[in-house]
Amino acid sequence: MSIKPIKSDDDLRMAFKRLELIFQAQEGTPEADEMEVLVTLIEAYEHKHYPISAADPVEAIKFRMEQQGLTQKDLEPFIGSSGRVSEVLNHKRRLSLKMVKRLHDGLHIPYESLLSAA
């Protein structure tokens, strides 16, 4: 087992190539140990160089609208008047906790998506 730090995208590609070869290694083997170390190194490098930012609550709402074929009018029971819905969807008004609860309960949008910038 010859493991070294991942310092570049080229190193990352090489780590992934090696990981593909040993991914199905049987537990308790040196290859399984190597796999665990490689996964840890890959995750650390990706976390540092390719962070995933929190979802935008408005984008989460728009995504659910698209999924379910909803219009802005369909959001009124969850957000309020048509003007308020428009303000939320145009980032001019933040979601209140009451809106978040209603959107979660009614449209099953995860709290994590709705609270990320609320």
PDB file of N, CA and C in Angstrom:
ATOM      1  N   MET A   1       0.858  -1.167   0.000  1.00  0.00           N
ATOM      2  CA  MET A   1       0.000   0.000   0.000  1.00  0.00           C
ATOM      3  C   MET A   1       0.906   1.232   0.000  1.00  0.00           C
ATOM      4  N   SER A   2       0.745   2.024  -1.044  1.00  0.00           N
ATOM      5  CA  SER A   2       1.541   3.241  -1.169  1.00  0.00           C
ATOM      6  C   SER A   2       0.591   4.417  -1.262  1.00  0.00           C
ATOM      7  N   ILE A   3       0.287   5.017  -0.120  1.00  0.00           N
ATOM      8  CA  ILE A   3      -0.679   6.111  -0.078  1.00  0.00           C
ATOM      9  C   ILE A   3       0.056   7.406   0.207  1.00  0.00           C
ATOM     10  N   LYS A   4      -0.364   8.454  -0.506  1.00  0.00           N
ATOM     11  CA  LYS A   4       0.215   9.772  -0.287  1.00  0.00           C
ATOM     12  C   LYS A   4      -0.912  10.806  -0.283  1.00  0.00           C
ATOM     13  N   PRO A   5      -0.645  11.985   0.242  1.00  0.00           N
ATOM     14  CA  PRO A   5      -1.687  13.016   0.275  1.00  0.00           C
ATOM     15  C   PRO A   5      -2.157  13.384  -1.133  1.00  0.00           C
ATOM     16  N   ILE A   6      -3.403  13.808  -1.222  1.00  0.00           N
ATOM     17  CA  ILE A   6      -3.961  14.288  -2.486  1.00  0.00           C
ATOM     18  C   ILE A   6      -3.778  15.797  -2.485  1.00  0.00           C
ATOM     19  N   LYS A   7      -2.922  16.283  -3.400  1.00  0.00           N
ATOM     20  CA  LYS A   7      -2.581  17.703  -3.425  1.00  0.00           C
ATOM     21  C   LYS A   7      -3.054  18.416  -4.691  1.00  0.00           C
ATOM     22  N   SER A   8      -3.556  17.651  -5.653  1.00  0.00           N
ATOM     23  CA  SER A   8      -3.989  18.267  -6.917  1.00  0.00           C
ATOM     24  C   SER A   8      -5.108  17.433  -7.524  1.00  0.00           C
ATOM     25  N   ASP A   9      -5.741  17.980  -8.558  1.00  0.00           N
ATOM     26  CA  ASP A   9      -6.788  17.232  -9.250  1.00  0.00           C
ATOM     27  C   ASP A   9      -6.219  16.002  -9.956  1.00  0.00           C
ATOM     28  N   ASP A  10      -4.967  16.079 -10.377  1.00  0.00           N
ATOM     29  CA  ASP A  10      -4.326  14.902 -10.970  1.00  0.00           C
ATOM     30  C   ASP A  10      -4.179  13.798  -9.922  1.00  0.00           C
ATOM     31  N   ASP A  11      -3.762  14.181  -8.724  1.00  0.00           N
ATOM     32  CA  ASP A  11      -3.679  13.205  -7.629  1.00  0.00           C
ATOM     33  C   ASP A  11      -5.052  12.617  -7.330  1.00  0.00           C
ATOM     34  N   LEU A  12      -6.066  13.465  -7.395  1.00  0.00           N
ATOM     35  CA  LEU A  12      -7.436  13.008  -7.135  1.00  0.00           C
ATOM     36  C   LEU A  12      -7.860  11.971  -8.167  1.00  0.00           C
ATOM     37  N   ARG A  13      -7.568  12.243  -9.441  1.00  0.00           N
ATOM     38  CA  ARG A  13      -7.920  11.283 -10.498  1.00  0.00           C
ATOM     39  C   ARG A  13      -7.215   9.944 -10.281  1.00  0.00           C
ATOM     40  N   MET A  14      -5.967  10.006  -9.898  1.00  0.00           N
ATOM     41  CA  MET A  14      -5.203   8.771  -9.646  1.00  0.00           C
ATOM     42  C   MET A  14      -5.794   8.008  -8.453  1.00  0.00           C
ATOM     43  N   ALA A  15      -6.195   8.740  -7.435  1.00  0.00           N
ATOM     44  CA  ALA A  15      -6.805   8.103  -6.267  1.00  0.00           C
ATOM     45  C   ALA A  15      -8.108   7.419  -6.657  1.00  0.00           C
ATOM     46  N   PHE A  16      -8.918   8.081  -7.499  1.00  0.00           N
ATOM     47  CA  PHE A  16     -10.161   7.477  -7.955  1.00  0.00           C
ATOM     48  C   PHE A  16      -9.904   6.223  -8.792  1.00  0.00           C
ATOM     49  N   LYS A  17      -8.884   6.270  -9.641  1.00  0.00           N
ATOM     50  CA  LYS A  17      -8.541   5.090 -10.443  1.00  0.00           C
ATOM     51  C   LYS A  17      -8.192   3.911  -9.541  1.00  0.00           C
ATOM     52  N   ARG A  18      -7.380   4.175  -8.545  1.00  0.00           N
ATOM     53  CA  ARG A  18      -7.002   3.107  -7.613  1.00  0.00           C
ATOM     54  C   ARG A  18      -8.218   2.629  -6.830  1.00  0.00           C
ATOM     55  N   LEU A  19      -9.050   3.554  -6.410  1.00  0.00           N
ATOM     56  CA  LEU A  19     -10.241   3.199  -5.647  1.00  0.00           C
ATOM     57  C   LEU A  19     -11.157   2.285  -6.461  1.00  0.00           C
ATOM     58  N   GLU A  20     -11.289   2.559  -7.757  1.00  0.00           N
ATOM     59  CA  GLU A  20     -12.109   1.701  -8.614  1.00  0.00           C
ATOM     60  C   GLU A  20     -11.613   0.263  -8.603  1.00  0.00           C
ATOM     61  N   LEU A  21     -10.317   0.095  -8.548  1.00  0.00           N
ATOM     62  CA  LEU A  21      -9.733  -1.247  -8.575  1.00  0.00           C
ATOM     63  C   LEU A  21      -9.952  -2.017  -7.272  1.00  0.00           C
ATOM     64  N   ILE A  22     -10.006  -1.312  -6.149  1.00  0.00           N
ATOM     65  CA  ILE A  22     -10.077  -1.992  -4.853  1.00  0.00           C
ATOM     66  C   ILE A  22     -11.408  -1.781  -4.129  1.00  0.00           C
ATOM     67  N   PHE A  23     -12.369  -1.167  -4.786  1.00  0.00           N
ATOM     68  CA  PHE A  23     -13.610  -0.785  -4.113  1.00  0.00           C
ATOM     69  C   PHE A  23     -14.361  -1.979  -3.532  1.00  0.00           C
ATOM     70  N   GLN A  24     -14.302  -3.124  -4.173  1.00  0.00           N
ATOM     71  CA  GLN A  24     -15.020  -4.317  -3.709  1.00  0.00           C
ATOM     72  C   GLN A  24     -14.141  -5.215  -2.837  1.00  0.00           C
ATOM     73  N   ALA A  25     -13.069  -4.677  -2.306  1.00  0.00           N
ATOM     74  CA  ALA A  25     -12.146  -5.481  -1.498  1.00  0.00           C
ATOM     75  C   ALA A  25     -12.860  -6.092  -0.300  1.00  0.00           C
ATOM     76  N   GLN A  26     -12.449  -7.317   0.005  1.00  0.00           N
ATOM     77  CA  GLN A  26     -13.042  -8.020   1.134  1.00  0.00           C
ATOM     78  C   GLN A  26     -12.552  -7.422   2.443  1.00  0.00           C
ATOM     79  N   GLU A  27     -13.461  -7.288   3.393  1.00  0.00           N
ATOM     80  CA  GLU A  27     -13.133  -6.707   4.689  1.00  0.00           C
ATOM     81  C   GLU A  27     -12.004  -7.498   5.348  1.00  0.00           C
ATOM     82  N   GLY A  28     -11.113  -6.776   5.987  1.00  0.00           N
ATOM     83  CA  GLY A  28     -10.006  -7.406   6.680  1.00  0.00           C
ATOM     84  C   GLY A  28      -8.764  -7.587   5.832  1.00  0.00           C
ATOM     85  N   THR A  29      -8.843  -7.206   4.556  1.00  0.00           N
ATOM     86  CA  THR A  29      -7.686  -7.330   3.672  1.00  0.00           C
ATOM     87  C   THR A  29      -6.929  -6.009   3.624  1.00  0.00           C
ATOM     88  N   PRO A  30      -5.664  -6.044   3.216  1.00  0.00           N
ATOM     89  CA  PRO A  30      -4.918  -4.788   3.060  1.00  0.00           C
ATOM     90  C   PRO A  30      -5.584  -3.847   2.047  1.00  0.00           C
ATOM     91  N   GLU A  31      -6.218  -4.419   1.015  1.00  0.00           N
ATOM     92  CA  GLU A  31      -6.906  -3.588   0.014  1.00  0.00           C
ATOM     93  C   GLU A  31      -8.101  -2.869   0.632  1.00  0.00           C
ATOM     94  N   ALA A  32      -8.802  -3.528   1.555  1.00  0.00           N
ATOM     95  CA  ALA A  32      -9.938  -2.889   2.228  1.00  0.00           C
ATOM     96  C   ALA A  32      -9.445  -1.733   3.100  1.00  0.00           C
ATOM     97  N   ASP A  33      -8.317  -1.936   3.771  1.00  0.00           N
ATOM     98  CA  ASP A  33      -7.739  -0.847   4.578  1.00  0.00           C
ATOM     99  C   ASP A  33      -7.332   0.324   3.677  1.00  0.00           C
ATOM    100  N   GLU A  34      -6.714  -0.006   2.548  1.00  0.00           N
ATOM    101  CA  GLU A  34      -6.305   1.027   1.596  1.00  0.00           C
ATOM    102  C   GLU A  34      -7.523   1.791   1.080  1.00  0.00           C
ATOM    103  N   MET A  35      -8.595   1.052   0.811  1.00  0.00           N
ATOM    104  CA  MET A  35      -9.821   1.687   0.328  1.00  0.00           C
ATOM    105  C   MET A  35     -10.338   2.704   1.345  1.00  0.00           C
ATOM    106  N   GLU A  36     -10.369   2.324   2.610  1.00  0.00           N
ATOM    107  CA  GLU A  36     -10.860   3.243   3.643  1.00  0.00           C
ATOM    108  C   GLU A  36     -10.017   4.514   3.712  1.00  0.00           C
ATOM    109  N   VAL A  37      -8.709   4.351   3.631  1.00  0.00           N
ATOM    110  CA  VAL A  37      -7.815   5.505   3.685  1.00  0.00           C
ATOM    111  C   VAL A  37      -8.021   6.389   2.455  1.00  0.00           C
ATOM    112  N   LEU A  38      -8.133   5.763   1.278  1.00  0.00           N
ATOM    113  CA  LEU A  38      -8.346   6.547   0.051  1.00  0.00           C
ATOM    114  C   LEU A  38      -9.651   7.329   0.109  1.00  0.00           C
ATOM    115  N   VAL A  39     -10.713   6.704   0.583  1.00  0.00           N
ATOM    116  CA  VAL A  39     -12.003   7.390   0.683  1.00  0.00           C
ATOM    117  C   VAL A  39     -11.880   8.605   1.601  1.00  0.00           C
ATOM    118  N   THR A  40     -11.181   8.450   2.706  1.00  0.00           N
ATOM    119  CA  THR A  40     -10.990   9.562   3.640  1.00  0.00           C
ATOM    120  C   THR A  40     -10.200  10.696   2.988  1.00  0.00           C
ATOM    121  N   LEU A  41      -9.143  10.346   2.281  1.00  0.00           N
ATOM    122  CA  LEU A  41      -8.330  11.361   1.600  1.00  0.00           C
ATOM    123  C   LEU A  41      -9.130  12.075   0.502  1.00  0.00           C
ATOM    124  N   ILE A  42      -9.877  11.317  -0.267  1.00  0.00           N
ATOM    125  CA  ILE A  42     -10.691  11.891  -1.348  1.00  0.00           C
ATOM    126  C   ILE A  42     -11.727  12.845  -0.775  1.00  0.00           C
ATOM    127  N   GLU A  43     -12.423  12.400   0.270  1.00  0.00           N
ATOM    128  CA  GLU A  43     -13.445  13.254   0.885  1.00  0.00           C
ATOM    129  C   GLU A  43     -12.830  14.550   1.421  1.00  0.00           C
ATOM    130  N   ALA A  44     -11.684  14.448   2.055  1.00  0.00           N
ATOM    131  CA  ALA A  44     -11.029  15.645   2.605  1.00  0.00           C
ATOM    132  C   ALA A  44     -10.647  16.615   1.491  1.00  0.00           C
ATOM    133  N   TYR A  45     -10.086  16.096   0.412  1.00  0.00           N
ATOM    134  CA  TYR A  45      -9.684  16.954  -0.705  1.00  0.00           C
ATOM    135  C   TYR A  45     -10.912  17.616  -1.344  1.00  0.00           C
ATOM    136  N   GLU A  46     -11.953  16.830  -1.593  1.00  0.00           N
ATOM    137  CA  GLU A  46     -13.165  17.390  -2.217  1.00  0.00           C
ATOM    138  C   GLU A  46     -13.831  18.409  -1.311  1.00  0.00           C
ATOM    139  N   HIS A  47     -13.857  18.139  -0.026  1.00  0.00           N
ATOM    140  CA  HIS A  47     -14.474  19.079   0.917  1.00  0.00           C
ATOM    141  C   HIS A  47     -13.735  20.419   0.905  1.00  0.00           C
ATOM    142  N   LYS A  48     -12.422  20.352   0.803  1.00  0.00           N
ATOM    143  CA  LYS A  48     -11.612  21.574   0.811  1.00  0.00           C
ATOM    144  C   LYS A  48     -11.687  22.321  -0.515  1.00  0.00           C
ATOM    145  N   HIS A  49     -11.653  21.601  -1.640  1.00  0.00           N
ATOM    146  CA  HIS A  49     -11.548  22.239  -2.949  1.00  0.00           C
ATOM    147  C   HIS A  49     -12.866  22.355  -3.711  1.00  0.00           C
ATOM    148  N   TYR A  50     -13.859  21.573  -3.338  1.00  0.00           N
ATOM    149  CA  TYR A  50     -15.149  21.588  -4.034  1.00  0.00           C
ATOM    150  C   TYR A  50     -16.294  21.570  -3.025  1.00  0.00           C
ATOM    151  N   PRO A  51     -16.368  22.572  -2.151  1.00  0.00           N
ATOM    152  CA  PRO A  51     -17.430  22.568  -1.140  1.00  0.00           C
ATOM    153  C   PRO A  51     -18.811  22.707  -1.770  1.00  0.00           C
ATOM    154  N   ILE A  52     -19.764  22.092  -1.140  1.00  0.00           N
ATOM    155  CA  ILE A  52     -21.153  22.180  -1.599  1.00  0.00           C
ATOM    156  C   ILE A  52     -21.852  23.171  -0.691  1.00  0.00           C
ATOM    157  N   SER A  53     -22.343  24.241  -1.291  1.00  0.00           N
ATOM    158  CA  SER A  53     -23.012  25.264  -0.487  1.00  0.00           C
ATOM    159  C   SER A  53     -24.460  24.853  -0.207  1.00  0.00           C
ATOM    160  N   ALA A  54     -25.017  25.474   0.795  1.00  0.00           N
ATOM    161  CA  ALA A  54     -26.398  25.177   1.174  1.00  0.00           C
ATOM    162  C   ALA A  54     -27.351  25.579   0.048  1.00  0.00           C
ATOM    163  N   ALA A  55     -28.435  24.849  -0.030  1.00  0.00           N
ATOM    164  CA  ALA A  55     -29.437  25.119  -1.053  1.00  0.00           C
ATOM    165  C   ALA A  55     -30.119  26.460  -0.783  1.00  0.00           C
ATOM    166  N   ASP A  56     -30.524  27.119  -1.846  1.00  0.00           N
ATOM    167  CA  ASP A  56     -31.288  28.356  -1.738  1.00  0.00           C
ATOM    168  C   ASP A  56     -32.751  27.964  -1.538  1.00  0.00           C
ATOM    169  N   PRO A  57     -33.394  28.432  -0.466  1.00  0.00           N
ATOM    170  CA  PRO A  57     -34.780  28.066  -0.207  1.00  0.00           C
ATOM    171  C   PRO A  57     -35.717  28.370  -1.385  1.00  0.00           C
ATOM    172  N   VAL A  58     -35.495  29.489  -2.047  1.00  0.00           N
ATOM    173  CA  VAL A  58     -36.347  29.849  -3.187  1.00  0.00           C
ATOM    174  C   VAL A  58     -36.170  28.840  -4.315  1.00  0.00           C
ATOM    175  N   GLU A  59     -34.932  28.407  -4.544  1.00  0.00           N
ATOM    176  CA  GLU A  59     -34.689  27.407  -5.587  1.00  0.00           C
ATOM    177  C   GLU A  59     -35.343  26.083  -5.217  1.00  0.00           C
ATOM    178  N   ALA A  60     -35.364  25.744  -3.933  1.00  0.00           N
ATOM    179  CA  ALA A  60     -36.029  24.522  -3.480  1.00  0.00           C
ATOM    180  C   ALA A  60     -37.534  24.605  -3.752  1.00  0.00           C
ATOM    181  N   ILE A  61     -38.107  25.774  -3.501  1.00  0.00           N
ATOM    182  CA  ILE A  61     -39.545  25.965  -3.762  1.00  0.00           C
ATOM    183  C   ILE A  61     -39.815  25.878  -5.263  1.00  0.00           C
ATOM    184  N   LYS A  62     -38.999  26.560  -6.062  1.00  0.00           N
ATOM    185  CA  LYS A  62     -39.199  26.544  -7.514  1.00  0.00           C
ATOM    186  C   LYS A  62     -39.033  25.127  -8.079  1.00  0.00           C
ATOM    187  N   PHE A  63     -38.086  24.379  -7.522  1.00  0.00           N
ATOM    188  CA  PHE A  63     -37.878  22.999  -7.964  1.00  0.00           C
ATOM    189  C   PHE A  63     -39.128  22.168  -7.683  1.00  0.00           C
ATOM    190  N   ARG A  64     -39.706  22.330  -6.481  1.00  0.00           N
ATOM    191  CA  ARG A  64     -40.913  21.579  -6.140  1.00  0.00           C
ATOM    192  C   ARG A  64     -42.088  22.022  -7.017  1.00  0.00           C
ATOM    193  N   MET A  65     -42.163  23.327  -7.321  1.00  0.00           N
ATOM    194  CA  MET A  65     -43.223  23.827  -8.202  1.00  0.00           C
ATOM    195  C   MET A  65     -43.124  23.148  -9.568  1.00  0.00           C
ATOM    196  N   GLU A  66     -41.898  23.061 -10.078  1.00  0.00           N
ATOM    197  CA  GLU A  66     -41.679  22.445 -11.383  1.00  0.00           C
ATOM    198  C   GLU A  66     -42.028  20.958 -11.334  1.00  0.00           C
ATOM    199  N   GLN A  67     -41.623  20.287 -10.275  1.00  0.00           N
ATOM    200  CA  GLN A  67     -41.897  18.859 -10.126  1.00  0.00           C
ATOM    201  C   GLN A  67     -43.390  18.564 -10.134  1.00  0.00           C
ATOM    202  N   GLN A  68     -44.145  19.414  -9.440  1.00  0.00           N
ATOM    203  CA  GLN A  68     -45.573  19.157  -9.269  1.00  0.00           C
ATOM    204  C   GLN A  68     -46.457  19.982 -10.190  1.00  0.00           C
ATOM    205  N   GLY A  69     -45.860  20.756 -11.078  1.00  0.00           N
ATOM    206  CA  GLY A  69     -46.641  21.572 -12.002  1.00  0.00           C
ATOM    207  C   GLY A  69     -47.458  22.646 -11.297  1.00  0.00           C
ATOM    208  N   LEU A  70     -46.894  23.230 -10.260  1.00  0.00           N
ATOM    209  CA  LEU A  70     -47.608  24.233  -9.474  1.00  0.00           C
ATOM    210  C   LEU A  70     -47.367  25.638 -10.021  1.00  0.00           C
ATOM    211  N   THR A  71     -48.321  26.514  -9.764  1.00  0.00           N
ATOM    212  CA  THR A  71     -48.193  27.922 -10.127  1.00  0.00           C
ATOM    213  C   THR A  71     -47.979  28.727  -8.842  1.00  0.00           C
ATOM    214  N   GLN A  72     -47.706  30.014  -9.019  1.00  0.00           N
ATOM    215  CA  GLN A  72     -47.553  30.872  -7.841  1.00  0.00           C
ATOM    216  C   GLN A  72     -48.838  30.884  -7.023  1.00  0.00           C
ATOM    217  N   LYS A  73     -49.962  30.815  -7.686  1.00  0.00           N
ATOM    218  CA  LYS A  73     -51.257  30.810  -6.981  1.00  0.00           C
ATOM    219  C   LYS A  73     -51.362  29.603  -6.051  1.00  0.00           C
ATOM    220  N   ASP A  74     -50.780  28.474  -6.477  1.00  0.00           N
ATOM    221  CA  ASP A  74     -50.826  27.269  -5.655  1.00  0.00           C
ATOM    222  C   ASP A  74     -50.022  27.416  -4.366  1.00  0.00           C
ATOM    223  N   LEU A  75     -49.125  28.385  -4.305  1.00  0.00           N
ATOM    224  CA  LEU A  75     -48.307  28.599  -3.115  1.00  0.00           C
ATOM    225  C   LEU A  75     -48.983  29.483  -2.072  1.00  0.00           C
ATOM    226  N   GLU A  76     -50.051  30.138  -2.441  1.00  0.00           N
ATOM    227  CA  GLU A  76     -50.704  31.069  -1.520  1.00  0.00           C
ATOM    228  C   GLU A  76     -51.118  30.443  -0.195  1.00  0.00           C
ATOM    229  N   PRO A  77     -51.633  29.203  -0.153  1.00  0.00           N
ATOM    230  CA  PRO A  77     -51.979  28.620   1.153  1.00  0.00           C
ATOM    231  C   PRO A  77     -50.768  28.438   2.076  1.00  0.00           C
ATOM    232  N   PHE A  78     -49.593  28.364   1.499  1.00  0.00           N
ATOM    233  CA  PHE A  78     -48.389  28.114   2.284  1.00  0.00           C
ATOM    234  C   PHE A  78     -47.625  29.390   2.628  1.00  0.00           C
ATOM    235  N   ILE A  79     -47.705  30.390   1.741  1.00  0.00           N
ATOM    236  CA  ILE A  79     -46.903  31.605   1.909  1.00  0.00           C
ATOM    237  C   ILE A  79     -47.757  32.828   2.232  1.00  0.00           C
ATOM    238  N   GLY A  80     -48.920  32.925   1.638  1.00  0.00           N
ATOM    239  CA  GLY A  80     -49.785  34.077   1.871  1.00  0.00           C
ATOM    240  C   GLY A  80     -50.292  34.643   0.555  1.00  0.00           C
ATOM    241  N   SER A  81     -50.572  35.917   0.551  1.00  0.00           N
ATOM    242  CA  SER A  81     -51.160  36.583  -0.623  1.00  0.00           C
ATOM    243  C   SER A  81     -50.263  36.439  -1.855  1.00  0.00           C
ATOM    244  N   SER A  82     -50.845  36.718  -3.015  1.00  0.00           N
ATOM    245  CA  SER A  82     -50.082  36.613  -4.263  1.00  0.00           C
ATOM    246  C   SER A  82     -48.882  37.559  -4.247  1.00  0.00           C
ATOM    247  N   GLY A  83     -49.045  38.720  -3.648  1.00  0.00           N
ATOM    248  CA  GLY A  83     -47.933  39.672  -3.542  1.00  0.00           C
ATOM    249  C   GLY A  83     -46.800  39.126  -2.688  1.00  0.00           C
ATOM    250  N   ARG A  84     -47.171  38.465  -1.602  1.00  0.00           N
ATOM    251  CA  ARG A  84     -46.165  37.888  -0.713  1.00  0.00           C
ATOM    252  C   ARG A  84     -45.440  36.731  -1.406  1.00  0.00           C
ATOM    253  N   VAL A  85     -46.186  35.907  -2.140  1.00  0.00           N
ATOM    254  CA  VAL A  85     -45.575  34.806  -2.893  1.00  0.00           C
ATOM    255  C   VAL A  85     -44.569  35.369  -3.883  1.00  0.00           C
ATOM    256  N   SER A  86     -44.957  36.413  -4.593  1.00  0.00           N
ATOM    257  CA  SER A  86     -44.080  37.041  -5.576  1.00  0.00           C
ATOM    258  C   SER A  86     -42.820  37.590  -4.909  1.00  0.00           C
ATOM    259  N   GLU A  87     -42.983  38.236  -3.760  1.00  0.00           N
ATOM    260  CA  GLU A  87     -41.834  38.782  -3.042  1.00  0.00           C
ATOM    261  C   GLU A  87     -40.863  37.679  -2.623  1.00  0.00           C
ATOM    262  N   VAL A  88     -41.400  36.568  -2.130  1.00  0.00           N
ATOM    263  CA  VAL A  88     -40.547  35.443  -1.715  1.00  0.00           C
ATOM    264  C   VAL A  88     -39.811  34.879  -2.921  1.00  0.00           C
ATOM    265  N   LEU A  89     -40.523  34.627  -4.012  1.00  0.00           N
ATOM    266  CA  LEU A  89     -39.921  34.010  -5.189  1.00  0.00           C
ATOM    267  C   LEU A  89     -38.908  34.930  -5.878  1.00  0.00           C
ATOM    268  N   ASN A  90     -38.995  36.227  -5.621  1.00  0.00           N
ATOM    269  CA  ASN A  90     -38.050  37.187  -6.200  1.00  0.00           C
ATOM    270  C   ASN A  90     -36.994  37.633  -5.189  1.00  0.00           C
ATOM    271  N   HIS A  91     -36.862  36.886  -4.104  1.00  0.00           N
ATOM    272  CA  HIS A  91     -35.867  37.164  -3.066  1.00  0.00           C
ATOM    273  C   HIS A  91     -36.027  38.540  -2.413  1.00  0.00           C
ATOM    274  N   LYS A  92     -37.232  39.074  -2.410  1.00  0.00           N
ATOM    275  CA  LYS A  92     -37.461  40.378  -1.789  1.00  0.00           C
ATOM    276  C   LYS A  92     -38.001  40.232  -0.369  1.00  0.00           C
ATOM    277  N   ARG A  93     -38.412  39.017  -0.021  1.00  0.00           N
ATOM    278  CA  ARG A  93     -38.913  38.733   1.332  1.00  0.00           C
ATOM    279  C   ARG A  93     -38.395  37.359   1.737  1.00  0.00           C
ATOM    280  N   ARG A  94     -37.933  37.287   2.958  1.00  0.00           N
ATOM    281  CA  ARG A  94     -37.460  36.004   3.476  1.00  0.00           C
ATOM    282  C   ARG A  94     -38.641  35.174   3.970  1.00  0.00           C
ATOM    283  N   LEU A  95     -38.431  33.876   4.000  1.00  0.00           N
ATOM    284  CA  LEU A  95     -39.457  32.987   4.529  1.00  0.00           C
ATOM    285  C   LEU A  95     -39.551  33.142   6.047  1.00  0.00           C
ATOM    286  N   SER A  96     -40.758  33.188   6.555  1.00  0.00           N
ATOM    287  CA  SER A  96     -40.941  33.172   8.005  1.00  0.00           C
ATOM    288  C   SER A  96     -40.955  31.710   8.457  1.00  0.00           C
ATOM    289  N   LEU A  97     -40.819  31.490   9.742  1.00  0.00           N
ATOM    290  CA  LEU A  97     -40.862  30.117  10.244  1.00  0.00           C
ATOM    291  C   LEU A  97     -42.220  29.469   9.984  1.00  0.00           C
ATOM    292  N   LYS A  98     -43.270  30.280  10.022  1.00  0.00           N
ATOM    293  CA  LYS A  98     -44.611  29.756   9.739  1.00  0.00           C
ATOM    294  C   LYS A  98     -44.703  29.296   8.276  1.00  0.00           C
ATOM    295  N   MET A  99     -44.141  30.082   7.364  1.00  0.00           N
ATOM    296  CA  MET A  99     -44.124  29.704   5.945  1.00  0.00           C
ATOM    297  C   MET A  99     -43.332  28.416   5.752  1.00  0.00           C
ATOM    298  N   VAL A 100     -42.186  28.341   6.413  1.00  0.00           N
ATOM    299  CA  VAL A 100     -41.332  27.159   6.299  1.00  0.00           C
ATOM    300  C   VAL A 100     -42.099  25.921   6.736  1.00  0.00           C
ATOM    301  N   LYS A 101     -42.781  26.000   7.874  1.00  0.00           N
ATOM    302  CA  LYS A 101     -43.552  24.852   8.375  1.00  0.00           C
ATOM    303  C   LYS A 101     -44.652  24.467   7.400  1.00  0.00           C
ATOM    304  N   ARG A 102     -45.362  25.457   6.879  1.00  0.00           N
ATOM    305  CA  ARG A 102     -46.446  25.159   5.927  1.00  0.00           C
ATOM    306  C   ARG A 102     -45.914  24.533   4.639  1.00  0.00           C
ATOM    307  N   LEU A 103     -44.800  25.066   4.125  1.00  0.00           N
ATOM    308  CA  LEU A 103     -44.209  24.511   2.894  1.00  0.00           C
ATOM    309  C   LEU A 103     -43.712  23.083   3.124  1.00  0.00           C
ATOM    310  N   HIS A 104     -43.147  22.861   4.296  1.00  0.00           N
ATOM    311  CA  HIS A 104     -42.679  21.516   4.616  1.00  0.00           C
ATOM    312  C   HIS A 104     -43.859  20.546   4.729  1.00  0.00           C
ATOM    313  N   ASP A 105     -44.855  20.943   5.499  1.00  0.00           N
ATOM    314  CA  ASP A 105     -46.010  20.065   5.719  1.00  0.00           C
ATOM    315  C   ASP A 105     -46.825  19.853   4.446  1.00  0.00           C
ATOM    316  N   GLY A 106     -47.022  20.929   3.686  1.00  0.00           N
ATOM    317  CA  GLY A 106     -47.892  20.847   2.520  1.00  0.00           C
ATOM    318  C   GLY A 106     -47.230  20.335   1.257  1.00  0.00           C
ATOM    319  N   LEU A 107     -45.982  20.732   1.027  1.00  0.00           N
ATOM    320  CA  LEU A 107     -45.305  20.351  -0.215  1.00  0.00           C
ATOM    321  C   LEU A 107     -44.144  19.378   0.019  1.00  0.00           C
ATOM    322  N   HIS A 108     -43.924  19.041   1.294  1.00  0.00           N
ATOM    323  CA  HIS A 108     -42.880  18.073   1.668  1.00  0.00           C
ATOM    324  C   HIS A 108     -41.486  18.504   1.213  1.00  0.00           C
ATOM    325  N   ILE A 109     -41.227  19.798   1.301  1.00  0.00           N
ATOM    326  CA  ILE A 109     -39.887  20.316   1.022  1.00  0.00           C
ATOM    327  C   ILE A 109     -39.097  20.168   2.326  1.00  0.00           C
ATOM    328  N   PRO A 110     -37.929  19.558   2.293  1.00  0.00           N
ATOM    329  CA  PRO A 110     -37.169  19.341   3.527  1.00  0.00           C
ATOM    330  C   PRO A 110     -36.864  20.657   4.264  1.00  0.00           C
ATOM    331  N   TYR A 111     -36.938  20.587   5.575  1.00  0.00           N
ATOM    332  CA  TYR A 111     -36.618  21.755   6.392  1.00  0.00           C
ATOM    333  C   TYR A 111     -35.218  22.280   6.074  1.00  0.00           C
ATOM    334  N   GLU A 112     -34.268  21.356   5.853  1.00  0.00           N
ATOM    335  CA  GLU A 112     -32.899  21.765   5.588  1.00  0.00           C
ATOM    336  C   GLU A 112     -32.809  22.693   4.368  1.00  0.00           C
ATOM    337  N   SER A 113     -33.622  22.418   3.362  1.00  0.00           N
ATOM    338  CA  SER A 113     -33.624  23.250   2.159  1.00  0.00           C
ATOM    339  C   SER A 113     -34.284  24.596   2.408  1.00  0.00           C
ATOM    340  N   LEU A 114     -35.289  24.617   3.223  1.00  0.00           N
ATOM    341  CA  LEU A 114     -36.035  25.848   3.471  1.00  0.00           C
ATOM    342  C   LEU A 114     -35.361  26.759   4.502  1.00  0.00           C
ATOM    343  N   LEU A 115     -34.580  26.184   5.378  1.00  0.00           N
ATOM    344  CA  LEU A 115     -33.964  26.970   6.458  1.00  0.00           C
ATOM    345  C   LEU A 115     -32.547  27.390   6.172  1.00  0.00           C
ATOM    346  N   SER A 116     -31.993  27.002   5.065  1.00  0.00           N
ATOM    347  CA  SER A 116     -30.573  27.272   4.812  1.00  0.00           C
ATOM    348  C   SER A 116     -30.249  28.750   4.779  1.00  0.00           C
ATOM    349  N   ALA A 117     -31.191  29.595   4.404  1.00  0.00           N
ATOM    350  CA  ALA A 117     -30.916  31.042   4.390  1.00  0.00           C
ATOM    351  C   ALA A 117     -32.094  31.816   4.979  1.00  0.00           C
ATOM    352  N   ALA A 118     -32.961  31.118   5.672  1.00  0.00           N
ATOM    353  CA  ALA A 118     -34.155  31.783   6.215  1.00  0.00           C
ATOM    354  C   ALA A 118     -33.833  32.532   7.475  1.00  0.00           C
TER     355      ALA A 118
END
